[in-house]
C-alpha atoms as a PDB file:
ATOM      1  CA  MET A   1     108.664  95.749 124.682  1.00  0.00           C
ATOM      2  CA  ALA A   2     109.060  93.167 127.373  1.00  0.00           C
ATOM      3  CA  ARG A   3     111.999  93.263 129.685  1.00  0.00           C
ATOM      4  CA  LYS A   4     113.468  91.250 131.355  1.00  0.00           C
ATOM      5  CA  ARG A   5     113.774  92.724 135.451  1.00  0.00           C
ATOM      6  CA  MET A   6     114.287  91.348 139.019  1.00  0.00           C
ATOM      7  CA  ILE A   7     112.095  90.642 142.169  1.00  0.00           C
ATOM      8  CA  ASP A   8     114.411  91.223 145.706  1.00  0.00           C
ATOM      9  CA  PRO A   9     113.826  88.374 147.582  1.00  0.00           C
ATOM     10  CA  GLN A  10     112.474  90.563 150.098  1.00  0.00           C
ATOM     11  CA  PHE A  11     109.324  90.897 147.589  1.00  0.00           C
ATOM     12  CA  TRP A  12     107.725  88.141 149.029  1.00  0.00           C
ATOM     13  CA  CYS A  13     107.512  89.223 152.521  1.00  0.00           C
ATOM     14  CA  ASP A  14     107.395  93.433 152.204  1.00  0.00           C
ATOM     15  CA  GLU A  15     104.696  93.222 154.143  1.00  0.00           C
ATOM     16  CA  LYS A  16     102.467  95.407 151.191  1.00  0.00           C
ATOM     17  CA  MET A  17     102.936  92.184 149.957  1.00  0.00           C
ATOM     18  CA  ILE A  18     101.798  89.945 151.983  1.00  0.00           C
ATOM     19  CA  VAL A  19      98.667  91.618 152.272  1.00  0.00           C
ATOM     20  CA  LEU A  20      97.921  91.549 148.053  1.00  0.00           C
ATOM     21  CA  SER A  21      96.730  89.730 146.666  1.00  0.00           C
ATOM     22  CA  HIS A  22      97.712  86.590 144.622  1.00  0.00           C
ATOM     23  CA  SER A  23      96.683  88.567 141.503  1.00  0.00           C
ATOM     24  CA  ALA A  24      97.271  92.329 142.508  1.00  0.00           C
ATOM     25  CA  ARG A  25     101.106  90.813 143.234  1.00  0.00           C
ATOM     26  CA  LEU A  26     100.638  89.082 139.741  1.00  0.00           C
ATOM     27  CA  LEU A  27      99.766  92.646 137.820  1.00  0.00           C
ATOM     28  CA  PHE A  28     102.799  93.942 139.963  1.00  0.00           C
ATOM     29  CA  ILE A  29     105.853  92.252 138.476  1.00  0.00           C
ATOM     30  CA  GLY A  30     103.853  91.930 135.269  1.00  0.00           C
ATOM     31  CA  LEU A  31     103.281  95.308 135.311  1.00  0.00           C
ATOM     32  CA  TRP A  32     107.497  95.975 136.463  1.00  0.00           C
ATOM     33  CA  ASN A  33     108.164  93.588 132.738  1.00  0.00           C
ATOM     34  CA  PHE A  34     106.156  96.123 130.985  1.00  0.00           C
ATOM     35  CA  CYS A  35     106.767  99.495 132.764  1.00  0.00           C
ATOM     36  CA  ASP A  36     109.583 101.662 130.332  1.00  0.00           C
ATOM     37  CA  ASP A  37     113.361 101.806 131.844  1.00  0.00           C
ATOM     38  CA  GLN A  38     111.758 104.817 134.069  1.00  0.00           C
ATOM     39  CA  GLY A  39     108.734 102.255 135.667  1.00  0.00           C
ATOM     40  CA  ILE A  40     105.898 104.648 133.484  1.00  0.00           C
ATOM     41  CA  HIS A  41     103.706 102.608 131.802  1.00  0.00           C
ATOM     42  CA  LYS A  42     100.286 103.385 130.035  1.00  0.00           C
ATOM     43  CA  ASN A  43      97.525 103.586 132.386  1.00  0.00           C
ATOM     44  CA  SER A  44      95.111 100.931 130.551  1.00  0.00           C
ATOM     45  CA  ASP A  45      93.435  98.372 132.062  1.00  0.00           C
ATOM     46  CA  LEU A  46      92.513  96.404 128.459  1.00  0.00           C
ATOM     47  CA  LYS A  47      96.815  96.847 127.513  1.00  0.00           C
ATOM     48  CA  LEU A  48      97.206  95.774 131.094  1.00  0.00           C
ATOM     49  CA  LYS A  49      95.458  92.937 130.517  1.00  0.00           C
ATOM     50  CA  ALA A  50      96.373  91.648 127.598  1.00  0.00           C
ATOM     51  CA  GLU A  51     100.525  91.900 128.198  1.00  0.00           C
ATOM     52  CA  ILE A  52      99.763  90.440 132.293  1.00  0.00           C
ATOM     53  CA  PHE A  53      96.155  87.957 132.385  1.00  0.00           C
ATOM     54  CA  PRO A  54      96.359  87.365 128.337  1.00  0.00           C
ATOM     55  CA  ALA A  55      94.702  83.429 128.770  1.00  0.00           C
ATOM     56  CA  ASP A  56      93.378  84.365 132.187  1.00  0.00           C
ATOM     57  CA  ASP A  57      89.574  84.393 132.686  1.00  0.00           C
ATOM     58  CA  LEU A  58      89.807  87.714 134.233  1.00  0.00           C
ATOM     59  CA  THR A  59      88.153  91.095 132.213  1.00  0.00           C
ATOM     60  CA  LYS A  60      89.106  94.379 132.352  1.00  0.00           C
ATOM     61  CA  ASP A  61      87.278  95.426 135.029  1.00  0.00           C
ATOM     62  CA  ASP A  62      88.879  92.434 137.231  1.00  0.00           C
ATOM     63  CA  VAL A  63      92.679  93.632 136.049  1.00  0.00           C
ATOM     64  CA  LYS A  64      91.128  97.572 137.439  1.00  0.00           C
ATOM     65  CA  LYS A  65      90.499  96.577 140.993  1.00  0.00           C
ATOM     66  CA  LEU A  66      94.044  94.909 141.005  1.00  0.00           C
ATOM     67  CA  LYS A  67      95.636  98.414 139.496  1.00  0.00           C
ATOM     68  CA  ASP A  68      93.199  99.896 142.411  1.00  0.00           C
ATOM     69  CA  GLU A  69      94.433  97.305 144.779  1.00  0.00           C
ATOM     70  CA  LEU A  70      97.725  98.125 144.282  1.00  0.00           C
ATOM     71  CA  ILE A  71      97.058 101.655 144.057  1.00  0.00           C
ATOM     72  CA  LYS A  72      96.002 101.738 147.649  1.00  0.00           C
ATOM     73  CA  MET A  73      99.141  99.991 148.842  1.00  0.00           C
ATOM     74  CA  ASP A  74     100.899 103.184 147.184  1.00  0.00           C
ATOM     75  CA  LEU A  75     102.909 101.063 145.471  1.00  0.00           C
ATOM     76  CA  ILE A  76     101.889 102.338 142.427  1.00  0.00           C
ATOM     77  CA  VAL A  77     100.362 106.294 141.253  1.00  0.00           C
ATOM     78  CA  ALA A  78      98.626 106.991 138.377  1.00  0.00           C
ATOM     79  CA  PHE A  79      97.835 110.325 136.539  1.00  0.00           C
ATOM     80  CA  LYS A  80      97.557 112.076 133.840  1.00  0.00           C
ATOM     81  CA  GLU A  81     101.170 113.227 131.839  1.00  0.00           C
ATOM     82  CA  GLU A  82     101.689 116.366 131.224  1.00  0.00           C
ATOM     83  CA  VAL A  83     102.360 117.511 127.108  1.00  0.00           C
ATOM     84  CA  SER A  84     100.958 113.848 126.031  1.00  0.00           C
ATOM     85  CA  GLY A  85      98.043 114.198 128.076  1.00  0.00           C
ATOM     86  CA  ASP A  86      97.959 110.588 128.385  1.00  0.00           C
ATOM     87  CA  GLU A  87      96.853 108.468 131.859  1.00  0.00           C
ATOM     88  CA  ILE A  88      99.940 107.291 133.178  1.00  0.00           C
ATOM     89  CA  LEU A  89     100.824 104.922 136.108  1.00  0.00           C
ATOM     90  CA  VAL A  90     104.273 105.098 137.650  1.00  0.00           C
ATOM     91  CA  VAL A  91     105.716 102.406 139.503  1.00  0.00           C
ATOM     92  CA  LYS A  92     107.076 103.789 143.298  1.00  0.00           C
ATOM     93  CA  ASN A  93     110.902 103.846 143.898  1.00  0.00           C
ATOM     94  CA  TRP A  94     111.123 101.997 140.431  1.00  0.00           C
ATOM     95  CA  LYS A  95     114.941 103.539 140.383  1.00  0.00           C
ATOM     96  CA  LYS A  96     115.866 101.156 144.325  1.00  0.00           C
ATOM     97  CA  TYR A  97     114.836  98.602 142.843  1.00  0.00           C
ATOM     98  CA  GLN A  98     115.734  97.900 139.208  1.00  0.00           C
ATOM     99  CA  LYS A  99     119.180  98.796 138.304  1.00  0.00           C
ATOM    100  CA  ILE A 100     118.906  99.252 134.690  1.00  0.00           C
ATOM    101  CA  ASN A 101     122.601  99.396 133.495  1.00  0.00           C
ATOM    102  CA  ARG A 102     121.609 100.971 129.872  1.00  0.00           C
ATOM    103  CA  PRO A 103     117.785 103.185 130.386  1.00  0.00           C
ATOM    104  CA  ILE A 104     116.360 104.088 127.612  1.00  0.00           C
ATOM    105  CA  PRO A 105     114.882 107.835 128.306  1.00  0.00           C
ATOM    106  CA  SER A 106     110.602 107.484 128.934  1.00  0.00           C
ATOM    107  CA  LYS A 107     108.706 109.139 125.896  1.00  0.00           C
ATOM    108  CA  TYR A 108     106.674 110.417 129.154  1.00  0.00           C
ATOM    109  CA  LYS A 109     107.873 113.543 130.256  1.00  0.00           C
ATOM    110  CA  ILE A 110     108.199 113.897 134.587  1.00  0.00           C
ATOM    111  CA  SER A 111     108.661 117.116 136.247  1.00  0.00           C
ATOM    112  CA  GLU A 112     109.627 116.631 139.677  1.00  0.00           C
ATOM    113  CA  ASP A 113     106.450 118.747 140.721  1.00  0.00           C
ATOM    114  CA  SER A 114     104.163 116.284 139.075  1.00  0.00           C
ATOM    115  CA  MET A 115     105.381 113.617 140.836  1.00  0.00           C
ATOM    116  CA  SER A 116     105.349 115.056 144.213  1.00  0.00           C
ATOM    117  CA  ARG A 117     102.501 116.502 143.993  1.00  0.00           C
ATOM    118  CA  HIS A 118     102.074 112.679 144.430  1.00  0.00           C
ATOM    119  CA  GLY A 119     104.363 111.391 146.579  1.00  0.00           C
ATOM    120  CA  LEU A 120     106.789 109.958 144.875  1.00  0.00           C
ATOM    121  CA  ILE A 121     109.858 111.972 144.576  1.00  0.00           C
ATOM    122  CA  SER A 122     109.607 113.470 148.083  1.00  0.00           C
ATOM    123  CA  GLY A 123     111.481 110.708 150.232  1.00  0.00           C
ATOM    124  CA  ASN A 124     111.089 109.176 153.002  1.00  0.00           C
ATOM    125  CA  ARG A 125     112.280 110.658 155.698  1.00  0.00           C
ATOM    126  CA  ILE A 126     116.093 109.239 156.514  1.00  0.00           C
ATOM    127  CA  GLU A 127     116.131 110.195 152.850  1.00  0.00           C
ATOM    128  CA  GLN A 128     114.882 113.900 153.967  1.00  0.00           C
ATOM    129  CA  ASN A 129     117.341 113.945 157.438  1.00  0.00           C
ATOM    130  CA  ILE A 130     120.230 112.913 154.794  1.00  0.00           C
ATOM    131  CA  LYS A 131     119.796 116.328 152.463  1.00  0.00           C
ATOM    132  CA  GLU A 132     119.258 118.892 155.176  1.00  0.00           C
ATOM    133  CA  TYR A 133     123.014 117.095 156.920  1.00  0.00           C
ATOM    134  CA  ASN A 134     124.056 118.421 153.286  1.00  0.00           C
ATOM    135  CA  LYS A 135     123.752 121.101 153.383  1.00  0.00           C
ATOM    136  CA  THR A 136     124.068 122.237 156.395  1.00  0.00           C
ATOM    137  CA  LYS A 137     127.427 120.646 156.126  1.00  0.00           C
ATOM    138  CA  GLN A 138     128.336 122.166 152.797  1.00  0.00           C
ATOM    139  CA  ASN A 139     126.932 125.526 153.963  1.00  0.00           C
ATOM    140  CA  MET A 140     129.419 125.016 157.198  1.00  0.00           C
ATOM    141  CA  GLY A 141     132.599 124.675 155.007  1.00  0.00           C
ATOM    142  CA  PHE A 142     131.468 127.829 152.895  1.00  0.00           C
ATOM    143  CA  SER A 143     131.155 129.648 156.323  1.00  0.00           C
ATOM    144  CA  GLU A 144     134.227 128.785 157.518  1.00  0.00           C
ATOM    145  CA  LYS A 145     135.534 129.762 154.172  1.00  0.00           C
ATOM    146  CA  ILE A 146     134.287 133.467 154.299  1.00  0.00           C
ATOM    147  CA  GLN A 147     136.008 133.831 157.583  1.00  0.00           C
ATOM    148  CA  LYS A 148     138.936 132.017 156.997  1.00  0.00           C
ATOM    149  CA  GLY A 149     139.426 134.930 153.693  1.00  0.00           C
ATOM    150  CA  GLU A 150     139.337 132.455 151.260  1.00  0.00           C
ATOM    151  CA  ILE A 151     136.144 133.498 149.520  1.00  0.00           C
ATOM    152  CA  ILE A 152     136.448 137.139 149.342  1.00  0.00           C
ATOM    153  CA  ASN A 153     133.267 137.838 147.094  1.00  0.00           C
ATOM    154  CA  VAL A 154     129.647 136.626 148.219  1.00  0.00           C
END
């Protein structure tokens, strides 16, 4: 089912968007409308053509080229879903740009392991530094509690 989605005004000036072709940008925005609430869509060029370019003079091969342009720019990732074996597309950074009030769970099951192999879950360096800092902070608090005798059985 198509959904209303938000487009951040910074989208238009993003360096990746600037170098994309006009039609690839339109495919990317249109993909948001037809993705589920987790940013996942079936990887079908014919379905994308029917949903996003129904009255345009584009073939399914044209849609594949546009989709490949998005993959090359690291905006979407294509891979096989683990349970059903379906070919799917996942919009990277989906939750950063789309705030879903009452998300409906996806029918596709994707583990963090399968996603990290494709670079979806692994955060950028800043996110990794924050996680490392928080772990260190938690560990320091734990060590201090041991030293103070607050934690006896470890």
